[in-house]
N, C-alpha and C. Protein backbone atom coordinates (compact mmCIF):
# COMPACT_ATOMS: atom_id res chain seq x y z
N MET A 1 62.24 -86.35 16.91
CA MET A 1 62.50 -84.97 16.57
C MET A 1 62.92 -84.21 17.82
N ALA A 2 63.94 -83.38 17.70
CA ALA A 2 64.46 -82.62 18.83
C ALA A 2 63.59 -81.41 19.14
N ALA A 3 63.66 -80.96 20.38
CA ALA A 3 62.93 -79.76 20.78
C ALA A 3 63.54 -78.53 20.09
N SER A 4 62.76 -77.49 19.98
CA SER A 4 63.20 -76.25 19.33
C SER A 4 64.32 -75.59 20.09
N THR A 5 65.25 -75.03 19.34
CA THR A 5 66.34 -74.26 19.94
C THR A 5 66.36 -72.82 19.40
N SER A 6 65.34 -72.45 18.62
CA SER A 6 65.21 -71.10 18.09
C SER A 6 63.74 -70.82 17.81
N ASN A 7 63.42 -69.59 17.45
CA ASN A 7 62.05 -69.24 17.12
C ASN A 7 61.54 -70.09 15.98
N GLN A 8 60.28 -70.42 16.03
CA GLN A 8 59.65 -71.22 14.98
C GLN A 8 58.57 -70.39 14.31
N TYR A 9 58.52 -70.45 12.99
CA TYR A 9 57.54 -69.70 12.23
C TYR A 9 56.69 -70.67 11.44
N PRO A 10 55.41 -70.78 11.77
CA PRO A 10 54.55 -71.70 11.03
C PRO A 10 54.42 -71.26 9.58
N THR A 11 54.27 -72.24 8.71
CA THR A 11 54.10 -71.91 7.30
C THR A 11 52.63 -71.78 6.94
N SER A 12 51.72 -72.04 7.89
CA SER A 12 50.30 -71.90 7.63
C SER A 12 49.61 -71.34 8.85
N PHE A 13 48.71 -70.40 8.65
CA PHE A 13 47.93 -69.79 9.71
C PHE A 13 46.45 -70.06 9.47
N GLY A 14 46.12 -71.24 8.93
CA GLY A 14 44.76 -71.54 8.54
C GLY A 14 44.53 -71.07 7.11
N ILE A 15 45.43 -70.28 6.62
CA ILE A 15 45.47 -69.81 5.24
C ILE A 15 46.94 -69.82 4.86
N ASP A 16 47.22 -69.76 3.59
CA ASP A 16 48.61 -69.71 3.18
C ASP A 16 49.16 -68.34 3.50
N ALA A 17 50.26 -68.29 4.24
CA ALA A 17 50.92 -67.04 4.60
C ALA A 17 52.42 -67.23 4.40
N PRO A 18 52.87 -67.11 3.17
CA PRO A 18 54.30 -67.33 2.91
C PRO A 18 55.17 -66.29 3.61
N LEU A 19 56.39 -66.69 3.91
CA LEU A 19 57.36 -65.77 4.50
C LEU A 19 58.09 -65.02 3.40
N PHE A 20 58.17 -63.70 3.54
CA PHE A 20 58.88 -62.86 2.59
C PHE A 20 60.11 -62.27 3.28
N PRO A 21 61.27 -62.30 2.64
CA PRO A 21 62.45 -61.66 3.22
C PRO A 21 62.28 -60.14 3.24
N VAL A 22 62.63 -59.52 4.37
CA VAL A 22 62.42 -58.09 4.57
C VAL A 22 63.66 -57.29 4.14
N TYR A 23 63.42 -56.19 3.47
CA TYR A 23 64.49 -55.29 2.99
C TYR A 23 65.23 -54.67 4.17
N THR A 24 66.49 -54.35 3.95
CA THR A 24 67.30 -53.71 4.99
C THR A 24 66.71 -52.36 5.39
N ASN A 25 66.94 -51.97 6.64
CA ASN A 25 66.47 -50.69 7.17
C ASN A 25 64.96 -50.51 7.00
N THR A 26 64.21 -51.60 7.19
CA THR A 26 62.76 -51.59 7.00
C THR A 26 62.07 -52.11 8.25
N HIS A 27 61.03 -51.40 8.67
CA HIS A 27 60.20 -51.81 9.81
C HIS A 27 58.80 -52.08 9.26
N ILE A 28 58.41 -53.34 9.25
CA ILE A 28 57.07 -53.74 8.81
C ILE A 28 56.19 -53.85 10.05
N TYR A 29 55.07 -53.17 10.05
CA TYR A 29 54.13 -53.27 11.15
C TYR A 29 53.10 -54.35 10.84
N ALA A 30 52.51 -54.93 11.88
CA ALA A 30 51.50 -55.98 11.70
C ALA A 30 50.25 -55.40 11.05
N ASN A 31 49.65 -56.19 10.19
CA ASN A 31 48.36 -55.88 9.56
C ASN A 31 48.39 -54.63 8.69
N VAL A 32 49.49 -54.43 7.97
CA VAL A 32 49.57 -53.35 6.99
C VAL A 32 49.82 -53.95 5.61
N GLN A 33 49.54 -53.17 4.58
CA GLN A 33 49.76 -53.64 3.21
C GLN A 33 51.24 -53.59 2.88
N CYS A 34 51.71 -54.66 2.24
CA CYS A 34 53.11 -54.79 1.91
C CYS A 34 53.30 -55.01 0.42
N ALA A 35 54.52 -54.77 -0.02
CA ALA A 35 54.87 -54.95 -1.42
C ALA A 35 56.28 -55.52 -1.51
N VAL A 36 56.60 -56.07 -2.66
CA VAL A 36 57.95 -56.51 -2.95
C VAL A 36 58.60 -55.42 -3.79
N ASN A 37 59.83 -55.02 -3.42
CA ASN A 37 60.51 -53.98 -4.18
C ASN A 37 61.25 -54.59 -5.38
N SER A 38 61.92 -53.76 -6.15
CA SER A 38 62.58 -54.23 -7.37
C SER A 38 63.74 -55.18 -7.09
N SER A 39 64.19 -55.26 -5.83
CA SER A 39 65.23 -56.21 -5.44
C SER A 39 64.65 -57.52 -4.93
N GLY A 40 63.30 -57.59 -4.83
CA GLY A 40 62.64 -58.81 -4.38
C GLY A 40 62.42 -58.91 -2.89
N TYR A 41 62.61 -57.80 -2.16
CA TYR A 41 62.44 -57.81 -0.71
C TYR A 41 61.15 -57.10 -0.30
N LEU A 42 60.62 -57.51 0.86
CA LEU A 42 59.38 -56.96 1.38
C LEU A 42 59.59 -55.58 1.99
N VAL A 43 58.67 -54.67 1.69
CA VAL A 43 58.61 -53.33 2.27
C VAL A 43 57.14 -53.00 2.50
N GLN A 44 56.87 -51.97 3.30
CA GLN A 44 55.50 -51.48 3.41
C GLN A 44 55.18 -50.78 2.10
N VAL A 45 53.98 -51.01 1.59
CA VAL A 45 53.62 -50.42 0.30
C VAL A 45 53.60 -48.89 0.42
N SER A 46 53.99 -48.24 -0.66
CA SER A 46 54.01 -46.78 -0.71
C SER A 46 53.95 -46.35 -2.18
N ASP A 47 53.93 -45.07 -2.41
CA ASP A 47 53.93 -44.54 -3.77
C ASP A 47 55.37 -44.45 -4.27
N THR A 48 55.97 -45.62 -4.47
CA THR A 48 57.37 -45.73 -4.88
C THR A 48 57.46 -46.58 -6.13
N SER A 49 58.20 -46.13 -7.09
CA SER A 49 58.35 -46.83 -8.36
C SER A 49 58.86 -48.25 -8.15
N GLY A 50 58.31 -49.20 -8.92
CA GLY A 50 58.81 -50.56 -8.92
C GLY A 50 58.24 -51.49 -7.87
N LEU A 51 57.26 -51.05 -7.09
CA LEU A 51 56.70 -51.92 -6.06
C LEU A 51 55.57 -52.78 -6.62
N LEU A 52 55.50 -54.02 -6.12
CA LEU A 52 54.42 -54.94 -6.46
C LEU A 52 53.69 -55.32 -5.18
N PRO A 53 52.46 -54.81 -4.96
CA PRO A 53 51.72 -55.17 -3.74
C PRO A 53 51.50 -56.69 -3.68
N VAL A 54 51.71 -57.26 -2.48
CA VAL A 54 51.58 -58.71 -2.32
C VAL A 54 50.58 -59.14 -1.26
N GLY A 55 50.27 -58.27 -0.28
CA GLY A 55 49.31 -58.68 0.74
C GLY A 55 49.50 -57.97 2.07
N THR A 56 48.96 -58.59 3.12
CA THR A 56 48.91 -58.02 4.47
C THR A 56 49.87 -58.73 5.41
N SER A 57 50.69 -57.96 6.10
CA SER A 57 51.63 -58.55 7.06
C SER A 57 50.87 -59.12 8.26
N LEU A 58 51.35 -60.23 8.77
CA LEU A 58 50.73 -60.84 9.95
C LEU A 58 51.45 -60.48 11.24
N GLU A 59 52.68 -60.03 11.12
CA GLU A 59 53.49 -59.73 12.30
C GLU A 59 54.24 -58.44 12.11
N GLU A 60 54.67 -57.87 13.23
CA GLU A 60 55.60 -56.75 13.17
C GLU A 60 57.01 -57.32 13.05
N VAL A 61 57.77 -56.83 12.08
CA VAL A 61 59.15 -57.26 11.88
C VAL A 61 60.01 -56.02 11.69
N ASN A 62 61.00 -55.84 12.56
CA ASN A 62 61.88 -54.68 12.48
C ASN A 62 63.26 -55.12 11.99
N ASN A 63 63.54 -54.87 10.72
CA ASN A 63 64.84 -55.17 10.15
C ASN A 63 65.63 -53.87 9.98
N GLY A 64 65.52 -53.00 10.96
CA GLY A 64 66.14 -51.69 10.90
C GLY A 64 67.65 -51.71 10.86
N THR A 65 68.26 -52.76 11.41
CA THR A 65 69.72 -52.82 11.42
C THR A 65 70.26 -54.03 10.69
N GLY A 66 69.39 -54.89 10.19
CA GLY A 66 69.86 -56.11 9.53
C GLY A 66 70.04 -55.93 8.03
N ALA A 67 70.75 -56.85 7.44
CA ALA A 67 70.92 -56.88 5.99
C ALA A 67 69.61 -57.31 5.34
N SER A 68 69.44 -57.01 4.09
CA SER A 68 68.25 -57.47 3.35
C SER A 68 68.16 -58.99 3.47
N GLY A 69 66.98 -59.47 3.87
CA GLY A 69 66.75 -60.90 4.01
C GLY A 69 67.16 -61.48 5.35
N ALA A 70 67.71 -60.66 6.24
CA ALA A 70 68.11 -61.17 7.56
C ALA A 70 66.89 -61.61 8.37
N LEU A 71 65.75 -60.96 8.15
CA LEU A 71 64.50 -61.33 8.80
C LEU A 71 63.43 -61.53 7.74
N SER A 72 62.42 -62.31 8.08
CA SER A 72 61.30 -62.55 7.17
C SER A 72 59.99 -62.25 7.87
N CYS A 73 58.96 -61.98 7.07
CA CYS A 73 57.64 -61.63 7.61
C CYS A 73 56.57 -62.46 6.90
N PRO A 74 55.65 -63.09 7.66
CA PRO A 74 54.55 -63.80 7.02
C PRO A 74 53.54 -62.81 6.46
N VAL A 75 53.10 -63.06 5.23
CA VAL A 75 52.19 -62.15 4.54
C VAL A 75 51.02 -62.95 3.98
N VAL A 76 49.80 -62.52 4.28
CA VAL A 76 48.61 -63.12 3.68
C VAL A 76 48.46 -62.53 2.29
N PRO A 77 48.57 -63.35 1.25
CA PRO A 77 48.47 -62.81 -0.11
C PRO A 77 47.12 -62.15 -0.38
N ILE A 78 47.14 -61.16 -1.27
CA ILE A 78 45.93 -60.46 -1.65
C ILE A 78 44.87 -61.47 -2.08
N GLY A 79 43.66 -61.35 -1.52
CA GLY A 79 42.55 -62.23 -1.89
C GLY A 79 42.41 -63.47 -1.06
N GLN A 80 43.33 -63.73 -0.13
CA GLN A 80 43.20 -64.88 0.76
C GLN A 80 42.82 -64.42 2.15
N GLY A 81 42.27 -65.32 2.91
CA GLY A 81 41.88 -64.99 4.28
C GLY A 81 40.41 -64.65 4.36
N ASP A 82 40.00 -64.26 5.55
CA ASP A 82 38.59 -64.00 5.82
C ASP A 82 38.04 -62.79 5.08
N VAL A 83 38.88 -61.83 4.77
CA VAL A 83 38.38 -60.58 4.19
C VAL A 83 38.28 -60.64 2.67
N ASN A 84 38.82 -61.68 2.04
CA ASN A 84 38.75 -61.85 0.60
C ASN A 84 39.21 -60.64 -0.19
N GLY A 85 40.18 -59.91 0.34
CA GLY A 85 40.76 -58.80 -0.40
C GLY A 85 40.09 -57.45 -0.21
N TRP A 86 39.07 -57.36 0.64
CA TRP A 86 38.38 -56.08 0.89
C TRP A 86 38.97 -55.43 2.15
N PHE A 87 39.41 -54.18 2.01
CA PHE A 87 40.03 -53.48 3.13
C PHE A 87 39.52 -52.05 3.20
N VAL A 88 39.44 -51.52 4.42
CA VAL A 88 39.12 -50.11 4.62
C VAL A 88 40.44 -49.34 4.57
N PHE A 89 40.46 -48.30 3.74
CA PHE A 89 41.64 -47.44 3.63
C PHE A 89 41.29 -46.00 3.92
N ASN A 90 42.25 -45.27 4.43
CA ASN A 90 42.11 -43.83 4.60
C ASN A 90 42.27 -43.18 3.23
N CYS A 91 41.70 -42.00 3.08
CA CYS A 91 41.80 -41.24 1.84
C CYS A 91 41.46 -39.79 2.14
N SER A 92 41.42 -38.98 1.11
CA SER A 92 41.07 -37.58 1.28
C SER A 92 40.12 -37.17 0.16
N GLY A 93 38.99 -36.59 0.52
CA GLY A 93 38.06 -36.06 -0.47
C GLY A 93 37.22 -37.08 -1.20
N ALA A 94 37.05 -38.27 -0.64
CA ALA A 94 36.24 -39.30 -1.30
C ALA A 94 34.77 -38.88 -1.37
N THR A 95 34.11 -39.35 -2.42
CA THR A 95 32.66 -39.16 -2.57
C THR A 95 32.07 -40.49 -3.02
N GLN A 96 30.76 -40.56 -3.08
CA GLN A 96 30.07 -41.75 -3.57
C GLN A 96 30.53 -42.09 -5.00
N ALA A 97 30.90 -41.08 -5.75
CA ALA A 97 31.35 -41.28 -7.14
C ALA A 97 32.65 -42.08 -7.25
N TRP A 98 33.36 -42.24 -6.15
CA TRP A 98 34.59 -43.06 -6.17
C TRP A 98 34.27 -44.54 -6.35
N VAL A 99 33.06 -44.98 -5.99
CA VAL A 99 32.70 -46.40 -6.09
C VAL A 99 32.85 -46.84 -7.55
N GLY A 100 33.58 -47.93 -7.73
CA GLY A 100 33.83 -48.47 -9.06
C GLY A 100 35.09 -47.93 -9.73
N THR A 101 35.77 -46.99 -9.06
CA THR A 101 36.98 -46.43 -9.65
C THR A 101 38.23 -47.07 -9.07
N LEU A 102 39.28 -47.03 -9.85
CA LEU A 102 40.58 -47.54 -9.44
C LEU A 102 41.25 -46.52 -8.52
N VAL A 103 41.88 -47.01 -7.45
CA VAL A 103 42.64 -46.14 -6.56
C VAL A 103 44.06 -46.68 -6.41
N TYR A 104 44.94 -45.80 -5.95
CA TYR A 104 46.36 -46.09 -5.87
C TYR A 104 46.87 -45.84 -4.46
N PHE A 105 47.91 -46.60 -4.07
CA PHE A 105 48.50 -46.42 -2.75
C PHE A 105 49.30 -45.12 -2.69
N THR A 106 49.13 -44.39 -1.59
CA THR A 106 50.04 -43.29 -1.28
C THR A 106 50.95 -43.70 -0.12
N ASP A 107 50.44 -44.60 0.73
CA ASP A 107 51.24 -45.28 1.75
C ASP A 107 50.50 -46.56 2.12
N ASP A 108 50.94 -47.25 3.17
CA ASP A 108 50.39 -48.58 3.48
C ASP A 108 48.98 -48.57 4.06
N VAL A 109 48.44 -47.41 4.37
CA VAL A 109 47.07 -47.32 4.90
C VAL A 109 46.22 -46.28 4.18
N THR A 110 46.75 -45.67 3.10
CA THR A 110 46.07 -44.57 2.43
C THR A 110 46.05 -44.77 0.93
N VAL A 111 44.90 -44.44 0.32
CA VAL A 111 44.75 -44.52 -1.14
C VAL A 111 44.28 -43.17 -1.68
N ALA A 112 44.48 -43.01 -2.99
CA ALA A 112 44.04 -41.78 -3.67
C ALA A 112 43.65 -42.14 -5.10
N GLN A 113 42.94 -41.24 -5.76
CA GLN A 113 42.54 -41.50 -7.15
C GLN A 113 43.69 -41.33 -8.12
N SER A 114 44.77 -40.72 -7.68
CA SER A 114 45.97 -40.64 -8.51
C SER A 114 47.18 -40.59 -7.59
N SER A 115 48.33 -40.97 -8.14
CA SER A 115 49.58 -40.91 -7.39
C SER A 115 50.73 -40.81 -8.39
N SER A 116 51.88 -40.49 -7.90
CA SER A 116 53.03 -40.28 -8.78
C SER A 116 53.46 -41.54 -9.51
N HIS A 117 53.40 -42.70 -8.84
CA HIS A 117 53.93 -43.93 -9.42
C HIS A 117 52.87 -44.98 -9.73
N SER A 118 51.61 -44.65 -9.50
CA SER A 118 50.47 -45.51 -9.88
C SER A 118 50.59 -46.95 -9.39
N ILE A 119 50.86 -47.12 -8.09
CA ILE A 119 50.88 -48.45 -7.47
C ILE A 119 49.42 -48.79 -7.14
N VAL A 120 48.82 -49.67 -7.92
CA VAL A 120 47.39 -49.97 -7.83
C VAL A 120 47.04 -50.63 -6.50
N ALA A 121 46.03 -50.06 -5.82
CA ALA A 121 45.48 -50.66 -4.60
C ALA A 121 44.30 -51.56 -4.95
N GLY A 122 43.44 -51.12 -5.86
CA GLY A 122 42.26 -51.88 -6.26
C GLY A 122 41.12 -50.96 -6.63
N VAL A 123 39.92 -51.51 -6.58
CA VAL A 123 38.71 -50.78 -6.96
C VAL A 123 37.88 -50.47 -5.72
N VAL A 124 37.42 -49.24 -5.61
CA VAL A 124 36.57 -48.84 -4.49
C VAL A 124 35.22 -49.54 -4.62
N THR A 125 34.81 -50.23 -3.56
CA THR A 125 33.53 -50.95 -3.56
C THR A 125 32.50 -50.29 -2.66
N GLN A 126 32.97 -49.45 -1.72
CA GLN A 126 32.03 -48.81 -0.81
C GLN A 126 32.60 -47.48 -0.32
N PHE A 127 31.75 -46.47 -0.33
CA PHE A 127 32.08 -45.16 0.22
C PHE A 127 31.64 -45.16 1.67
N ILE A 128 32.56 -44.88 2.60
CA ILE A 128 32.22 -44.78 4.02
C ILE A 128 32.08 -43.32 4.42
N SER A 129 33.10 -42.54 4.07
CA SER A 129 33.10 -41.10 4.38
C SER A 129 34.12 -40.44 3.46
N SER A 130 34.26 -39.13 3.58
CA SER A 130 35.24 -38.45 2.74
C SER A 130 36.67 -38.85 3.08
N THR A 131 36.85 -39.52 4.23
CA THR A 131 38.19 -39.93 4.64
C THR A 131 38.40 -41.44 4.69
N GLN A 132 37.39 -42.24 4.30
CA GLN A 132 37.54 -43.70 4.30
C GLN A 132 36.70 -44.33 3.20
N VAL A 133 37.32 -45.33 2.53
CA VAL A 133 36.63 -46.12 1.52
C VAL A 133 37.02 -47.58 1.69
N VAL A 134 36.17 -48.47 1.17
CA VAL A 134 36.49 -49.90 1.13
C VAL A 134 37.02 -50.20 -0.26
N VAL A 135 38.14 -50.91 -0.32
CA VAL A 135 38.78 -51.23 -1.60
C VAL A 135 38.88 -52.74 -1.75
N ASP A 136 38.46 -53.23 -2.92
CA ASP A 136 38.63 -54.63 -3.28
C ASP A 136 39.99 -54.76 -3.95
N MET A 137 40.97 -55.29 -3.22
CA MET A 137 42.33 -55.37 -3.74
C MET A 137 42.51 -56.47 -4.78
N THR A 138 41.51 -57.34 -4.93
CA THR A 138 41.64 -58.40 -5.95
C THR A 138 41.29 -57.87 -7.33
N ARG A 139 40.63 -56.74 -7.38
CA ARG A 139 40.25 -56.14 -8.68
C ARG A 139 41.30 -55.10 -9.05
N ARG A 140 41.94 -55.29 -10.18
CA ARG A 140 43.07 -54.47 -10.59
C ARG A 140 42.71 -53.52 -11.72
N ALA A 141 41.44 -53.43 -12.07
CA ALA A 141 41.00 -52.50 -13.12
C ALA A 141 39.63 -51.95 -12.76
N ALA A 142 39.36 -50.72 -13.16
CA ALA A 142 38.07 -50.08 -12.86
C ALA A 142 36.96 -50.77 -13.60
N VAL A 143 35.75 -50.65 -13.06
CA VAL A 143 34.57 -51.25 -13.70
C VAL A 143 33.98 -50.33 -14.73
């Protein structure tokens, strides 16, 4: 086998981390929640119609000037890895009563009890403060 002549991207990081093609004019930051858009390309999750949350980015990938699919980003699928789908998210006005309720993405690090496009983040499992909650992203319906 010949030595490498270009960047190499492992297909496994101790967990399955498939590569997703990144949408044009998109900058994915490491360790943020990502989604696939209606064209099938990776974007940072947001309150945008047609997004399907898929997991957490492992690397920063800047496809700001490339065509859709010119670059790819490894993503740990929801529910895999050490955290088993539990993440701390920013929010506004959380109370203990949020535990057990469904929350929605407003951006890649923030959730709310409602949003314009209802992109489901998961179920709140722990109240930390009025500005932070723990969300189980593997649960897609309220208890």
